[in-house]
Amino acid sequence: MLDLKKPVAEYGRTPFLVGAFLCFIGALLAFCVKKPAGDQSVETIPLGSSV
């Protein structure tokens, strides 16, 4: 691990850095993944009808 050579006082940062990294990956996936396409059928409305 990268933290093994650091003083004991600096170990407290690791959970926060890992959490920030995971949140960043989650946000990146949330913005990059497209929503599934909905119903793309054309709706037919008769002429003269009030909607």
Protein backbone atom coordinates (compact mmCIF):
# COMPACT_ATOMS: atom_id res chain seq x y z
CA MET A 1 0.00 0.00 0.00
CA LEU A 2 1.05 3.57 -0.49
CA ASP A 3 0.34 4.58 3.12
CA LEU A 4 2.73 2.13 4.77
CA LYS A 5 5.71 4.51 4.73
CA LYS A 6 3.79 7.53 6.07
CA PRO A 7 3.60 8.55 9.74
CA VAL A 8 0.65 7.21 11.75
CA ALA A 9 -0.94 10.70 11.96
CA GLU A 10 -1.53 10.73 8.20
CA TYR A 11 -3.55 7.49 8.07
CA GLY A 12 -6.72 9.42 8.93
CA ARG A 13 -6.88 10.91 5.43
CA THR A 14 -7.14 7.63 3.55
CA PRO A 15 -10.87 6.87 4.12
CA PHE A 16 -11.80 10.38 3.01
CA LEU A 17 -9.66 10.18 -0.11
CA VAL A 18 -11.10 6.78 -1.03
CA GLY A 19 -14.63 8.08 -0.41
CA ALA A 20 -14.01 11.14 -2.57
CA PHE A 21 -12.62 8.94 -5.34
CA LEU A 22 -15.66 6.65 -5.23
CA CYS A 23 -18.04 9.64 -5.31
CA PHE A 24 -16.17 11.02 -8.31
CA ILE A 25 -16.46 7.69 -10.16
CA GLY A 26 -20.19 7.52 -9.29
CA ALA A 27 -20.81 11.06 -10.55
CA LEU A 28 -18.86 10.34 -13.73
CA LEU A 29 -20.96 7.24 -14.40
CA ALA A 30 -24.20 9.08 -13.61
CA PHE A 31 -23.46 11.78 -16.19
CA CYS A 32 -22.09 9.45 -18.86
CA VAL A 33 -24.71 6.68 -18.88
CA LYS A 34 -27.66 7.49 -21.11
CA LYS A 35 -31.24 7.04 -20.01
CA PRO A 36 -33.12 4.22 -21.73
CA ALA A 37 -35.22 5.32 -24.67
CA GLY A 38 -38.90 5.61 -23.90
CA ASP A 39 -41.80 4.75 -26.14
CA GLN A 40 -40.93 6.25 -29.53
CA SER A 41 -44.23 5.48 -31.25
CA VAL A 42 -45.96 8.37 -32.96
CA GLU A 43 -49.20 9.35 -31.30
CA THR A 44 -52.06 9.90 -33.75
CA ILE A 45 -54.55 12.63 -32.89
CA PRO A 46 -57.55 13.00 -35.18
CA LEU A 47 -57.96 16.36 -36.91
CA GLY A 48 -60.50 18.69 -35.36
CA SER A 49 -60.25 17.23 -31.89
CA SER A 50 -59.46 19.54 -29.00
CA VAL A 51 -56.74 18.31 -26.72
